[in-house]
Every structure is written in structure tokens, then in C-alpha cells.
Amino acid sequence: MKTRNINLNPVMLFAFAILFTGNVNAQEKKSKTETIEIKSSVVCGMCKEKIEKELAFEKGVKAIDVDLKSQIITVTFNPKKTNEEKIKVAITKIGYDADDLIAEDKAYNKLPACCKKDVAPH
């Protein structure tokens, strides 16, 4: 049986190193996200659906979870495309409070009666 000696010249080794490094950097860039928790005025399943549906259209938002019991909205996002303040403002434009920001009146008035702040969680 014949064996081959594979001669890897320095140029080929350098090329492989660059290709490998490029793939690692690309993977690192894709995985960079931040997660925040925002106290809100959500009270029911309709609130949860509305927040998850409309907030998904915000640039950079990757994942949304609404916990009705604690009234916490957890958002995972790309910090290169958005930030915490923009996400909070987006929530107020949907009609809900976001931490210290109050819901916009026009959006809040369009919410169903069961989604109003003065209604007990259900």
C-alpha cells in the first residue's frame, strides 16, 4: 500500500487559519444579544398576544415572553439594532406601561376593556 506525504505549505496553512477565524467571528457576532425585563400593565391573555405580536416587528427584537402573573415582559434583542429605551417606547405605543413610562393615551384608549389598567388581572 502506498502512502502519500501531504505537504502543507505555509500559504495553505495561512488560508485555512483565515477561513476558520472568519467563521468563528461570524458565529460570535450572531450570538450577541441582550435580555431585559420590563414591568408593564398587562393583565390578560389578549394583552400577552398583542404585546408579543406587535413587539416582534420592532427592529432587533429576537424573542418576547410575557409573564401575566408578574406583569413582566422579557425581551431579547440585538443591541446593535435597538436598545432598552426604544423597546420601552414601543410598548407604550402599543398601549401599555413600560417601567416608568406611561402608555400613550391614544393607544391605551384603543385597548379592549379587559386590557385596561384598572381591571384586576385575570
PDB file of N, CA and C in Angstrom:
ATOM      1  N   MET A   1       0.832  -1.173   0.000  1.00  0.00           N
ATOM      2  CA  MET A   1       0.000   0.000   0.000  1.00  0.00           C
ATOM      3  C   MET A   1       0.881   1.241   0.000  1.00  0.00           C
ATOM      4  N   LYS A   2       0.579   2.141  -0.890  1.00  0.00           N
ATOM      5  CA  LYS A   2       1.359   3.359  -0.995  1.00  0.00           C
ATOM      6  C   LYS A   2       0.801   4.416  -0.044  1.00  0.00           C
ATOM      7  N   THR A   3       1.672   5.172   0.535  1.00  0.00           N
ATOM      8  CA  THR A   3       1.249   6.295   1.380  1.00  0.00           C
ATOM      9  C   THR A   3       1.691   7.582   0.723  1.00  0.00           C
ATOM     10  N   ARG A   4       0.894   8.576   0.899  1.00  0.00           N
ATOM     11  CA  ARG A   4       1.214   9.873   0.334  1.00  0.00           C
ATOM     12  C   ARG A   4       1.681  10.809   1.439  1.00  0.00           C
ATOM     13  N   ASN A   5       2.634  11.539   1.129  1.00  0.00           N
ATOM     14  CA  ASN A   5       3.061  12.594   2.036  1.00  0.00           C
ATOM     15  C   ASN A   5       2.377  13.880   1.586  1.00  0.00           C
ATOM     16  N   ILE A   6       1.601  14.429   2.486  1.00  0.00           N
ATOM     17  CA  ILE A   6       0.902  15.667   2.160  1.00  0.00           C
ATOM     18  C   ILE A   6       1.752  16.813   2.677  1.00  0.00           C
ATOM     19  N   ASN A   7       2.157  17.629   1.763  1.00  0.00           N
ATOM     20  CA  ASN A   7       2.951  18.796   2.132  1.00  0.00           C
ATOM     21  C   ASN A   7       2.038  20.012   2.177  1.00  0.00           C
ATOM     22  N   LEU A   8       1.832  20.511   3.376  1.00  0.00           N
ATOM     23  CA  LEU A   8       1.036  21.727   3.522  1.00  0.00           C
ATOM     24  C   LEU A   8       1.997  22.903   3.564  1.00  0.00           C
ATOM     25  N   ASN A   9       1.958  23.666   2.540  1.00  0.00           N
ATOM     26  CA  ASN A   9       2.850  24.811   2.530  1.00  0.00           C
ATOM     27  C   ASN A   9       2.288  25.919   3.410  1.00  0.00           C
ATOM     28  N   PRO A  10       3.109  26.849   3.791  1.00  0.00           N
ATOM     29  CA  PRO A  10       2.677  27.924   4.691  1.00  0.00           C
ATOM     30  C   PRO A  10       1.503  28.742   4.153  1.00  0.00           C
ATOM     31  N   VAL A  11       1.421  28.912   2.854  1.00  0.00           N
ATOM     32  CA  VAL A  11       0.323  29.688   2.266  1.00  0.00           C
ATOM     33  C   VAL A  11      -1.008  28.977   2.509  1.00  0.00           C
ATOM     34  N   MET A  12      -1.022  27.659   2.329  1.00  0.00           N
ATOM     35  CA  MET A  12      -2.258  26.894   2.566  1.00  0.00           C
ATOM     36  C   MET A  12      -2.641  26.940   4.037  1.00  0.00           C
ATOM     37  N   LEU A  13      -1.687  26.807   4.932  1.00  0.00           N
ATOM     38  CA  LEU A  13      -1.978  26.873   6.365  1.00  0.00           C
ATOM     39  C   LEU A  13      -2.552  28.240   6.739  1.00  0.00           C
ATOM     40  N   PHE A  14      -1.983  29.286   6.193  1.00  0.00           N
ATOM     41  CA  PHE A  14      -2.464  30.635   6.448  1.00  0.00           C
ATOM     42  C   PHE A  14      -3.903  30.809   5.949  1.00  0.00           C
ATOM     43  N   ALA A  15      -4.184  30.272   4.763  1.00  0.00           N
ATOM     44  CA  ALA A  15      -5.531  30.370   4.193  1.00  0.00           C
ATOM     45  C   ALA A  15      -6.547  29.655   5.074  1.00  0.00           C
ATOM     46  N   PHE A  16      -6.202  28.449   5.549  1.00  0.00           N
ATOM     47  CA  PHE A  16      -7.107  27.708   6.440  1.00  0.00           C
ATOM     48  C   PHE A  16      -7.330  28.476   7.743  1.00  0.00           C
ATOM     49  N   ALA A  17      -6.289  29.068   8.272  1.00  0.00           N
ATOM     50  CA  ALA A  17      -6.409  29.830   9.520  1.00  0.00           C
ATOM     51  C   ALA A  17      -7.353  31.010   9.348  1.00  0.00           C
ATOM     52  N   ILE A  18      -7.244  31.710   8.226  1.00  0.00           N
ATOM     53  CA  ILE A  18      -8.122  32.859   7.971  1.00  0.00           C
ATOM     54  C   ILE A  18      -9.574  32.399   7.810  1.00  0.00           C
ATOM     55  N   LEU A  19      -9.784  31.335   7.078  1.00  0.00           N
ATOM     56  CA  LEU A  19     -11.144  30.830   6.894  1.00  0.00           C
ATOM     57  C   LEU A  19     -11.752  30.424   8.228  1.00  0.00           C
ATOM     58  N   PHE A  20     -11.004  29.727   9.048  1.00  0.00           N
ATOM     59  CA  PHE A  20     -11.508  29.273  10.344  1.00  0.00           C
ATOM     60  C   PHE A  20     -11.815  30.461  11.246  1.00  0.00           C
ATOM     61  N   THR A  21     -10.911  31.433  11.305  1.00  0.00           N
ATOM     62  CA  THR A  21     -11.115  32.614  12.140  1.00  0.00           C
ATOM     63  C   THR A  21     -12.338  33.395  11.686  1.00  0.00           C
ATOM     64  N   GLY A  22     -12.539  33.517  10.400  1.00  0.00           N
ATOM     65  CA  GLY A  22     -13.698  34.227   9.881  1.00  0.00           C
ATOM     66  C   GLY A  22     -14.999  33.587  10.308  1.00  0.00           C
ATOM     67  N   ASN A  23     -15.069  32.263  10.290  1.00  0.00           N
ATOM     68  CA  ASN A  23     -16.281  31.557  10.709  1.00  0.00           C
ATOM     69  C   ASN A  23     -16.535  31.733  12.197  1.00  0.00           C
ATOM     70  N   VAL A  24     -15.500  31.699  13.002  1.00  0.00           N
ATOM     71  CA  VAL A  24     -15.664  31.882  14.450  1.00  0.00           C
ATOM     72  C   VAL A  24     -16.181  33.287  14.733  1.00  0.00           C
ATOM     73  N   ASN A  25     -15.605  34.300  14.097  1.00  0.00           N
ATOM     74  CA  ASN A  25     -16.066  35.682  14.309  1.00  0.00           C
ATOM     75  C   ASN A  25     -17.509  35.864  13.873  1.00  0.00           C
ATOM     76  N   ALA A  26     -17.910  35.255  12.775  1.00  0.00           N
ATOM     77  CA  ALA A  26     -19.288  35.363  12.302  1.00  0.00           C
ATOM     78  C   ALA A  26     -20.243  34.753  13.311  1.00  0.00           C
ATOM     79  N   GLN A  27     -19.859  33.627  13.903  1.00  0.00           N
ATOM     80  CA  GLN A  27     -20.718  32.982  14.893  1.00  0.00           C
ATOM     81  C   GLN A  27     -20.822  33.830  16.151  1.00  0.00           C
ATOM     82  N   GLU A  28     -19.717  34.451  16.568  1.00  0.00           N
ATOM     83  CA  GLU A  28     -19.747  35.302  17.752  1.00  0.00           C
ATOM     84  C   GLU A  28     -20.667  36.495  17.534  1.00  0.00           C
ATOM     85  N   LYS A  29     -20.638  37.095  16.362  1.00  0.00           N
ATOM     86  CA  LYS A  29     -21.478  38.251  16.073  1.00  0.00           C
ATOM     87  C   LYS A  29     -22.951  37.882  16.093  1.00  0.00           C
ATOM     88  N   LYS A  30     -23.292  36.702  15.625  1.00  0.00           N
ATOM     89  CA  LYS A  30     -24.687  36.273  15.585  1.00  0.00           C
ATOM     90  C   LYS A  30     -25.242  36.040  16.984  1.00  0.00           C
ATOM     91  N   SER A  31     -24.406  35.617  17.920  1.00  0.00           N
ATOM     92  CA  SER A  31     -24.901  35.234  19.233  1.00  0.00           C
ATOM     93  C   SER A  31     -24.940  36.394  20.226  1.00  0.00           C
ATOM     94  N   LYS A  32     -24.531  37.594  19.828  1.00  0.00           N
ATOM     95  CA  LYS A  32     -24.520  38.709  20.764  1.00  0.00           C
ATOM     96  C   LYS A  32     -25.909  39.327  20.884  1.00  0.00           C
ATOM     97  N   THR A  33     -26.553  39.038  21.999  1.00  0.00           N
ATOM     98  CA  THR A  33     -27.867  39.602  22.293  1.00  0.00           C
ATOM     99  C   THR A  33     -27.897  40.029  23.751  1.00  0.00           C
ATOM    100  N   GLU A  34     -28.862  40.849  24.072  1.00  0.00           N
ATOM    101  CA  GLU A  34     -29.098  41.258  25.454  1.00  0.00           C
ATOM    102  C   GLU A  34     -30.534  40.925  25.809  1.00  0.00           C
ATOM    103  N   THR A  35     -30.774  40.715  27.085  1.00  0.00           N
ATOM    104  CA  THR A  35     -32.122  40.425  27.571  1.00  0.00           C
ATOM    105  C   THR A  35     -32.461  41.399  28.685  1.00  0.00           C
ATOM    106  N   ILE A  36     -33.656  41.970  28.606  1.00  0.00           N
ATOM    107  CA  ILE A  36     -34.122  42.903  29.626  1.00  0.00           C
ATOM    108  C   ILE A  36     -35.486  42.463  30.143  1.00  0.00           C
ATOM    109  N   GLU A  37     -35.812  42.897  31.343  1.00  0.00           N
ATOM    110  CA  GLU A  37     -37.134  42.656  31.925  1.00  0.00           C
ATOM    111  C   GLU A  37     -37.783  44.012  32.167  1.00  0.00           C
ATOM    112  N   ILE A  38     -39.023  44.133  31.721  1.00  0.00           N
ATOM    113  CA  ILE A  38     -39.752  45.395  31.826  1.00  0.00           C
ATOM    114  C   ILE A  38     -41.065  45.156  32.555  1.00  0.00           C
ATOM    115  N   LYS A  39     -41.293  45.895  33.627  1.00  0.00           N
ATOM    116  CA  LYS A  39     -42.554  45.827  34.363  1.00  0.00           C
ATOM    117  C   LYS A  39     -43.607  46.560  33.548  1.00  0.00           C
ATOM    118  N   SER A  40     -44.752  45.917  33.336  1.00  0.00           N
ATOM    119  CA  SER A  40     -45.772  46.501  32.480  1.00  0.00           C
ATOM    120  C   SER A  40     -47.148  46.430  33.125  1.00  0.00           C
ATOM    121  N   SER A  41     -48.150  46.860  32.376  1.00  0.00           N
ATOM    122  CA  SER A  41     -49.530  46.874  32.863  1.00  0.00           C
ATOM    123  C   SER A  41     -50.385  45.802  32.192  1.00  0.00           C
ATOM    124  N   VAL A  42     -49.761  44.742  31.695  1.00  0.00           N
ATOM    125  CA  VAL A  42     -50.511  43.655  31.052  1.00  0.00           C
ATOM    126  C   VAL A  42     -51.329  42.907  32.098  1.00  0.00           C
ATOM    127  N   VAL A  43     -52.557  42.499  31.708  1.00  0.00           N
ATOM    128  CA  VAL A  43     -53.427  41.837  32.685  1.00  0.00           C
ATOM    129  C   VAL A  43     -54.064  40.541  32.181  1.00  0.00           C
ATOM    130  N   CYS A  44     -54.072  40.318  30.865  1.00  0.00           N
ATOM    131  CA  CYS A  44     -54.779  39.132  30.371  1.00  0.00           C
ATOM    132  C   CYS A  44     -54.100  38.521  29.148  1.00  0.00           C
ATOM    133  N   GLY A  45     -54.663  37.439  28.684  1.00  0.00           N
ATOM    134  CA  GLY A  45     -54.138  36.743  27.518  1.00  0.00           C
ATOM    135  C   GLY A  45     -54.154  37.598  26.263  1.00  0.00           C
ATOM    136  N   MET A  46     -55.153  38.456  26.129  1.00  0.00           N
ATOM    137  CA  MET A  46     -55.200  39.347  24.968  1.00  0.00           C
ATOM    138  C   MET A  46     -54.030  40.339  24.999  1.00  0.00           C
ATOM    139  N   CYS A  47     -53.703  40.815  26.197  1.00  0.00           N
ATOM    140  CA  CYS A  47     -52.553  41.716  26.355  1.00  0.00           C
ATOM    141  C   CYS A  47     -51.274  41.004  25.911  1.00  0.00           C
ATOM    142  N   LYS A  48     -51.130  39.781  26.395  1.00  0.00           N
ATOM    143  CA  LYS A  48     -49.948  38.979  26.076  1.00  0.00           C
ATOM    144  C   LYS A  48     -49.811  38.798  24.559  1.00  0.00           C
ATOM    145  N   GLU A  49     -50.891  38.418  23.911  1.00  0.00           N
ATOM    146  CA  GLU A  49     -50.872  38.210  22.461  1.00  0.00           C
ATOM    147  C   GLU A  49     -50.536  39.507  21.716  1.00  0.00           C
ATOM    148  N   LYS A  50     -51.140  40.597  22.153  1.00  0.00           N
ATOM    149  CA  LYS A  50     -50.928  41.893  21.489  1.00  0.00           C
ATOM    150  C   LYS A  50     -49.464  42.329  21.610  1.00  0.00           C
ATOM    151  N   ILE A  51     -48.910  42.239  22.809  1.00  0.00           N
ATOM    152  CA  ILE A  51     -47.507  42.621  23.025  1.00  0.00           C
ATOM    153  C   ILE A  51     -46.583  41.747  22.182  1.00  0.00           C
ATOM    154  N   GLU A  52     -46.775  40.427  22.260  1.00  0.00           N
ATOM    155  CA  GLU A  52     -45.891  39.510  21.533  1.00  0.00           C
ATOM    156  C   GLU A  52     -45.989  39.713  20.019  1.00  0.00           C
ATOM    157  N   LYS A  53     -47.186  39.946  19.532  1.00  0.00           N
ATOM    158  CA  LYS A  53     -47.380  40.134  18.092  1.00  0.00           C
ATOM    159  C   LYS A  53     -46.760  41.448  17.612  1.00  0.00           C
ATOM    160  N   GLU A  54     -47.074  42.544  18.279  1.00  0.00           N
ATOM    161  CA  GLU A  54     -46.639  43.856  17.798  1.00  0.00           C
ATOM    162  C   GLU A  54     -45.170  44.158  18.103  1.00  0.00           C
ATOM    163  N   LEU A  55     -44.679  43.686  19.226  1.00  0.00           N
ATOM    164  CA  LEU A  55     -43.282  43.941  19.576  1.00  0.00           C
ATOM    165  C   LEU A  55     -42.327  43.131  18.691  1.00  0.00           C
ATOM    166  N   ALA A  56     -42.825  42.043  18.122  1.00  0.00           N
ATOM    167  CA  ALA A  56     -41.999  41.219  17.228  1.00  0.00           C
ATOM    168  C   ALA A  56     -41.584  41.987  15.978  1.00  0.00           C
ATOM    169  N   PHE A  57     -42.312  43.041  15.616  1.00  0.00           N
ATOM    170  CA  PHE A  57     -41.987  43.835  14.436  1.00  0.00           C
ATOM    171  C   PHE A  57     -40.928  44.903  14.711  1.00  0.00           C
ATOM    172  N   GLU A  58     -40.551  45.071  15.969  1.00  0.00           N
ATOM    173  CA  GLU A  58     -39.520  46.060  16.298  1.00  0.00           C
ATOM    174  C   GLU A  58     -38.164  45.560  15.812  1.00  0.00           C
ATOM    175  N   LYS A  59     -37.440  46.428  15.162  1.00  0.00           N
ATOM    176  CA  LYS A  59     -36.121  46.091  14.629  1.00  0.00           C
ATOM    177  C   LYS A  59     -35.193  45.629  15.757  1.00  0.00           C
ATOM    178  N   GLY A  60     -34.562  44.472  15.567  1.00  0.00           N
ATOM    179  CA  GLY A  60     -33.595  43.953  16.523  1.00  0.00           C
ATOM    180  C   GLY A  60     -34.164  43.043  17.588  1.00  0.00           C
ATOM    181  N   VAL A  61     -35.482  43.011  17.746  1.00  0.00           N
ATOM    182  CA  VAL A  61     -36.090  42.153  18.769  1.00  0.00           C
ATOM    183  C   VAL A  61     -36.042  40.701  18.303  1.00  0.00           C
ATOM    184  N   LYS A  62     -35.496  39.839  19.162  1.00  0.00           N
ATOM    185  CA  LYS A  62     -35.315  38.424  18.813  1.00  0.00           C
ATOM    186  C   LYS A  62     -36.341  37.520  19.492  1.00  0.00           C
ATOM    187  N   ALA A  63     -36.708  37.846  20.734  1.00  0.00           N
ATOM    188  CA  ALA A  63     -37.650  36.999  21.476  1.00  0.00           C
ATOM    189  C   ALA A  63     -38.397  37.846  22.504  1.00  0.00           C
ATOM    190  N   ILE A  64     -39.659  37.458  22.745  1.00  0.00           N
ATOM    191  CA  ILE A  64     -40.510  38.167  23.703  1.00  0.00           C
ATOM    192  C   ILE A  64     -41.235  37.132  24.549  1.00  0.00           C
ATOM    193  N   ASP A  65     -41.236  37.356  25.857  1.00  0.00           N
ATOM    194  CA  ASP A  65     -42.001  36.489  26.753  1.00  0.00           C
ATOM    195  C   ASP A  65     -42.749  37.393  27.729  1.00  0.00           C
ATOM    196  N   VAL A  66     -44.057  37.187  27.821  1.00  0.00           N
ATOM    197  CA  VAL A  66     -44.884  37.990  28.717  1.00  0.00           C
ATOM    198  C   VAL A  66     -45.390  37.097  29.835  1.00  0.00           C
ATOM    199  N   ASP A  67     -45.029  37.439  31.070  1.00  0.00           N
ATOM    200  CA  ASP A  67     -45.497  36.705  32.248  1.00  0.00           C
ATOM    201  C   ASP A  67     -46.625  37.514  32.874  1.00  0.00           C
ATOM    202  N   LEU A  68     -47.850  37.018  32.720  1.00  0.00           N
ATOM    203  CA  LEU A  68     -49.023  37.762  33.201  1.00  0.00           C
ATOM    204  C   LEU A  68     -49.067  37.869  34.720  1.00  0.00           C
ATOM    205  N   LYS A  69     -48.635  36.827  35.402  1.00  0.00           N
ATOM    206  CA  LYS A  69     -48.704  36.821  36.864  1.00  0.00           C
ATOM    207  C   LYS A  69     -47.833  37.939  37.460  1.00  0.00           C
ATOM    208  N   SER A  70     -46.609  38.056  36.963  1.00  0.00           N
ATOM    209  CA  SER A  70     -45.694  39.077  37.484  1.00  0.00           C
ATOM    210  C   SER A  70     -45.780  40.391  36.706  1.00  0.00           C
ATOM    211  N   GLN A  71     -46.459  40.378  35.580  1.00  0.00           N
ATOM    212  CA  GLN A  71     -46.585  41.521  34.666  1.00  0.00           C
ATOM    213  C   GLN A  71     -45.215  41.974  34.136  1.00  0.00           C
ATOM    214  N   ILE A  72     -44.346  41.000  33.906  1.00  0.00           N
ATOM    215  CA  ILE A  72     -43.005  41.272  33.395  1.00  0.00           C
ATOM    216  C   ILE A  72     -42.925  40.847  31.928  1.00  0.00           C
ATOM    217  N   ILE A  73     -42.410  41.738  31.096  1.00  0.00           N
ATOM    218  CA  ILE A  73     -42.141  41.431  29.688  1.00  0.00           C
ATOM    219  C   ILE A  73     -40.634  41.243  29.567  1.00  0.00           C
ATOM    220  N   THR A  74     -40.225  40.058  29.142  1.00  0.00           N
ATOM    221  CA  THR A  74     -38.814  39.767  28.943  1.00  0.00           C
ATOM    222  C   THR A  74     -38.530  39.839  27.448  1.00  0.00           C
ATOM    223  N   VAL A  75     -37.568  40.676  27.066  1.00  0.00           N
ATOM    224  CA  VAL A  75     -37.251  40.890  25.655  1.00  0.00           C
ATOM    225  C   VAL A  75     -35.774  40.611  25.419  1.00  0.00           C
ATOM    226  N   THR A  76     -35.508  39.772  24.422  1.00  0.00           N
ATOM    227  CA  THR A  76     -34.139  39.519  23.980  1.00  0.00           C
ATOM    228  C   THR A  76     -33.963  40.251  22.659  1.00  0.00           C
ATOM    229  N   PHE A  77     -32.871  41.012  22.547  1.00  0.00           N
ATOM    230  CA  PHE A  77     -32.694  41.850  21.372  1.00  0.00           C
ATOM    231  C   PHE A  77     -31.224  41.992  20.993  1.00  0.00           C
ATOM    232  N   ASN A  78     -31.010  42.462  19.766  1.00  0.00           N
ATOM    233  CA  ASN A  78     -29.678  42.756  19.262  1.00  0.00           C
ATOM    234  C   ASN A  78     -29.362  44.212  19.606  1.00  0.00           C
ATOM    235  N   PRO A  79     -28.382  44.458  20.487  1.00  0.00           N
ATOM    236  CA  PRO A  79     -28.096  45.835  20.908  1.00  0.00           C
ATOM    237  C   PRO A  79     -27.521  46.723  19.805  1.00  0.00           C
ATOM    238  N   LYS A  80     -27.128  46.141  18.688  1.00  0.00           N
ATOM    239  CA  LYS A  80     -26.645  46.946  17.570  1.00  0.00           C
ATOM    240  C   LYS A  80     -27.811  47.529  16.769  1.00  0.00           C
ATOM    241  N   LYS A  81     -29.009  46.974  16.960  1.00  0.00           N
ATOM    242  CA  LYS A  81     -30.165  47.420  16.191  1.00  0.00           C
ATOM    243  C   LYS A  81     -31.197  48.172  17.020  1.00  0.00           C
ATOM    244  N   THR A  82     -31.201  47.975  18.320  1.00  0.00           N
ATOM    245  CA  THR A  82     -32.161  48.657  19.184  1.00  0.00           C
ATOM    246  C   THR A  82     -31.588  48.748  20.589  1.00  0.00           C
ATOM    247  N   ASN A  83     -32.347  49.360  21.491  1.00  0.00           N
ATOM    248  CA  ASN A  83     -31.901  49.441  22.880  1.00  0.00           C
ATOM    249  C   ASN A  83     -33.114  49.398  23.815  1.00  0.00           C
ATOM    250  N   GLU A  84     -32.831  49.389  25.103  1.00  0.00           N
ATOM    251  CA  GLU A  84     -33.885  49.260  26.106  1.00  0.00           C
ATOM    252  C   GLU A  84     -34.912  50.391  26.008  1.00  0.00           C
ATOM    253  N   GLU A  85     -34.447  51.597  25.820  1.00  0.00           N
ATOM    254  CA  GLU A  85     -35.359  52.750  25.751  1.00  0.00           C
ATOM    255  C   GLU A  85     -36.309  52.651  24.559  1.00  0.00           C
ATOM    256  N   LYS A  86     -35.788  52.258  23.400  1.00  0.00           N
ATOM    257  CA  LYS A  86     -36.632  52.119  22.208  1.00  0.00           C
ATOM    258  C   LYS A  86     -37.683  51.034  22.404  1.00  0.00           C
ATOM    259  N   ILE A  87     -37.322  49.956  23.079  1.00  0.00           N
ATOM    260  CA  ILE A  87     -38.268  48.872  23.329  1.00  0.00           C
ATOM    261  C   ILE A  87     -39.367  49.349  24.277  1.00  0.00           C
ATOM    262  N   LYS A  88     -38.985  50.083  25.310  1.00  0.00           N
ATOM    263  CA  LYS A  88     -39.983  50.618  26.242  1.00  0.00           C
ATOM    264  C   LYS A  88     -40.950  51.563  25.533  1.00  0.00           C
ATOM    265  N   VAL A  89     -40.411  52.429  24.690  1.00  0.00           N
ATOM    266  CA  VAL A  89     -41.266  53.361  23.938  1.00  0.00           C
ATOM    267  C   VAL A  89     -42.214  52.575  23.032  1.00  0.00           C
ATOM    268  N   ALA A  90     -41.726  51.519  22.406  1.00  0.00           N
ATOM    269  CA  ALA A  90     -42.580  50.697  21.540  1.00  0.00           C
ATOM    270  C   ALA A  90     -43.728  50.085  22.340  1.00  0.00           C
ATOM    271  N   ILE A  91     -43.455  49.654  23.561  1.00  0.00           N
ATOM    272  CA  ILE A  91     -44.502  49.069  24.417  1.00  0.00           C
ATOM    273  C   ILE A  91     -45.551  50.134  24.755  1.00  0.00           C
ATOM    274  N   THR A  92     -45.117  51.359  25.047  1.00  0.00           N
ATOM    275  CA  THR A  92     -46.088  52.420  25.363  1.00  0.00           C
ATOM    276  C   THR A  92     -46.938  52.775  24.147  1.00  0.00           C
ATOM    277  N   LYS A  93     -46.364  52.634  22.949  1.00  0.00           N
ATOM    278  CA  LYS A  93     -47.125  52.907  21.726  1.00  0.00           C
ATOM    279  C   LYS A  93     -48.146  51.809  21.431  1.00  0.00           C
ATOM    280  N   ILE A  94     -47.952  50.641  22.039  1.00  0.00           N
ATOM    281  CA  ILE A  94     -48.936  49.561  21.895  1.00  0.00           C
ATOM    282  C   ILE A  94     -50.099  49.792  22.865  1.00  0.00           C
ATOM    283  N   GLY A  95     -49.843  50.574  23.938  1.00  0.00           N
ATOM    284  CA  GLY A  95     -50.908  50.916  24.882  1.00  0.00           C
ATOM    285  C   GLY A  95     -50.660  50.461  26.310  1.00  0.00           C
ATOM    286  N   TYR A  96     -49.449  50.042  26.607  1.00  0.00           N
ATOM    287  CA  TYR A  96     -49.124  49.514  27.935  1.00  0.00           C
ATOM    288  C   TYR A  96     -47.994  50.312  28.575  1.00  0.00           C
ATOM    289  N   ASP A  97     -47.992  50.335  29.915  1.00  0.00           N
ATOM    290  CA  ASP A  97     -46.894  50.962  30.644  1.00  0.00           C
ATOM    291  C   ASP A  97     -45.641  50.110  30.457  1.00  0.00           C
ATOM    292  N   ALA A  98     -44.480  50.763  30.538  1.00  0.00           N
ATOM    293  CA  ALA A  98     -43.202  50.076  30.445  1.00  0.00           C
ATOM    294  C   ALA A  98     -42.265  50.680  31.486  1.00  0.00           C
ATOM    295  N   ASP A  99     -42.143  50.004  32.623  1.00  0.00           N
ATOM    296  CA  ASP A  99     -41.399  50.512  33.773  1.00  0.00           C
ATOM    297  C   ASP A  99     -41.942  51.889  34.143  1.00  0.00           C
ATOM    298  N   ASP A 100     -41.119  52.921  34.049  1.00  0.00           N
ATOM    299  CA  ASP A 100     -41.544  54.261  34.457  1.00  0.00           C
ATOM    300  C   ASP A 100     -42.224  55.056  33.344  1.00  0.00           C
ATOM    301  N   LEU A 101     -42.328  54.485  32.153  1.00  0.00           N
ATOM    302  CA  LEU A 101     -43.005  55.168  31.041  1.00  0.00           C
ATOM    303  C   LEU A 101     -44.489  54.794  31.014  1.00  0.00           C
ATOM    304  N   ILE A 102     -45.331  55.789  30.880  1.00  0.00           N
ATOM    305  CA  ILE A 102     -46.778  55.580  30.860  1.00  0.00           C
ATOM    306  C   ILE A 102     -47.241  55.322  29.420  1.00  0.00           C
ATOM    307  N   ALA A 103     -48.223  54.453  29.283  1.00  0.00           N
ATOM    308  CA  ALA A 103     -48.783  54.135  27.964  1.00  0.00           C
ATOM    309  C   ALA A 103     -49.293  55.399  27.275  1.00  0.00           C
ATOM    310  N   GLU A 104     -49.117  55.448  25.955  1.00  0.00           N
ATOM    311  CA  GLU A 104     -49.646  56.576  25.190  1.00  0.00           C
ATOM    312  C   GLU A 104     -51.174  56.536  25.241  1.00  0.00           C
ATOM    313  N   ASP A 105     -51.788  57.689  25.487  1.00  0.00           N
ATOM    314  CA  ASP A 105     -53.242  57.773  25.652  1.00  0.00           C
ATOM    315  C   ASP A 105     -53.999  57.212  24.451  1.00  0.00           C
ATOM    316  N   LYS A 106     -53.591  57.609  23.257  1.00  0.00           N
ATOM    317  CA  LYS A 106     -54.300  57.184  22.047  1.00  0.00           C
ATOM    318  C   LYS A 106     -54.303  55.658  21.914  1.00  0.00           C
ATOM    319  N   ALA A 107     -53.151  55.033  22.146  1.00  0.00           N
ATOM    320  CA  ALA A 107     -53.048  53.576  22.056  1.00  0.00           C
ATOM    321  C   ALA A 107     -53.805  52.902  23.203  1.00  0.00           C
ATOM    322  N   TYR A 108     -53.678  53.467  24.412  1.00  0.00           N
ATOM    323  CA  TYR A 108     -54.355  52.897  25.577  1.00  0.00           C
ATOM    324  C   TYR A 108     -55.875  52.915  25.387  1.00  0.00           C
ATOM    325  N   ASN A 109     -56.411  53.991  24.853  1.00  0.00           N
ATOM    326  CA  ASN A 109     -57.852  54.111  24.654  1.00  0.00           C
ATOM    327  C   ASN A 109     -58.385  53.112  23.633  1.00  0.00           C
ATOM    328  N   LYS A 110     -57.535  52.621  22.759  1.00  0.00           N
ATOM    329  CA  LYS A 110     -57.952  51.633  21.754  1.00  0.00           C
ATOM    330  C   LYS A 110     -57.950  50.195  22.296  1.00  0.00           C
ATOM    331  N   LEU A 111     -57.359  49.984  23.487  1.00  0.00           N
ATOM    332  CA  LEU A 111     -57.305  48.634  24.056  1.00  0.00           C
ATOM    333  C   LEU A 111     -58.705  48.155  24.435  1.00  0.00           C
ATOM    334  N   PRO A 112     -58.948  46.841  24.350  1.00  0.00           N
ATOM    335  CA  PRO A 112     -60.229  46.299  24.818  1.00  0.00           C
ATOM    336  C   PRO A 112     -60.401  46.580  26.318  1.00  0.00           C
ATOM    337  N   ALA A 113     -61.621  46.595  26.789  1.00  0.00           N
ATOM    338  CA  ALA A 113     -61.919  46.901  28.195  1.00  0.00           C
ATOM    339  C   ALA A 113     -61.182  45.984  29.162  1.00  0.00           C
ATOM    340  N   CYS A 114     -60.992  44.719  28.769  1.00  0.00           N
ATOM    341  CA  CYS A 114     -60.329  43.765  29.660  1.00  0.00           C
ATOM    342  C   CYS A 114     -58.829  44.044  29.807  1.00  0.00           C
ATOM    343  N   CYS A 115     -58.276  44.903  28.967  1.00  0.00           N
ATOM    344  CA  CYS A 115     -56.836  45.195  28.981  1.00  0.00           C
ATOM    345  C   CYS A 115     -56.504  46.512  29.678  1.00  0.00           C
ATOM    346  N   LYS A 116     -57.495  47.163  30.250  1.00  0.00           N
ATOM    347  CA  LYS A 116     -57.262  48.443  30.918  1.00  0.00           C
ATOM    348  C   LYS A 116     -56.581  48.229  32.262  1.00  0.00           C
ATOM    349  N   LYS A 117     -55.844  49.245  32.728  1.00  0.00           N
ATOM    350  CA  LYS A 117     -55.057  49.152  33.958  1.00  0.00           C
ATOM    351  C   LYS A 117     -55.906  48.918  35.196  1.00  0.00           C
ATOM    352  N   ASP A 118     -57.086  49.494  35.244  1.00  0.00           N
ATOM    353  CA  ASP A 118     -57.918  49.390  36.445  1.00  0.00           C
ATOM    354  C   ASP A 118     -58.650  48.051  36.569  1.00  0.00           C
ATOM    355  N   VAL A 119     -58.484  47.177  35.589  1.00  0.00           N
ATOM    356  CA  VAL A 119     -59.101  45.848  35.640  1.00  0.00           C
ATOM    357  C   VAL A 119     -58.167  44.905  36.395  1.00  0.00           C
ATOM    358  N   ALA A 120     -58.741  44.097  37.261  1.00  0.00           N
ATOM    359  CA  ALA A 120     -57.939  43.120  38.005  1.00  0.00           C
ATOM    360  C   ALA A 120     -57.363  42.085  37.051  1.00  0.00           C
ATOM    361  N   PRO A 121     -56.139  41.632  37.324  1.00  0.00           N
ATOM    362  CA  PRO A 121     -55.552  40.573  36.470  1.00  0.00           C
ATOM    363  C   PRO A 121     -56.464  39.363  36.404  1.00  0.00           C
ATOM    364  N   HIS A 122     -56.573  38.800  35.197  1.00  0.00           N
ATOM    365  CA  HIS A 122     -57.451  37.647  35.016  1.00  0.00           C
ATOM    366  C   HIS A 122     -56.879  36.686  34.002  1.00  0.00           C
TER     367      HIS A 122
END
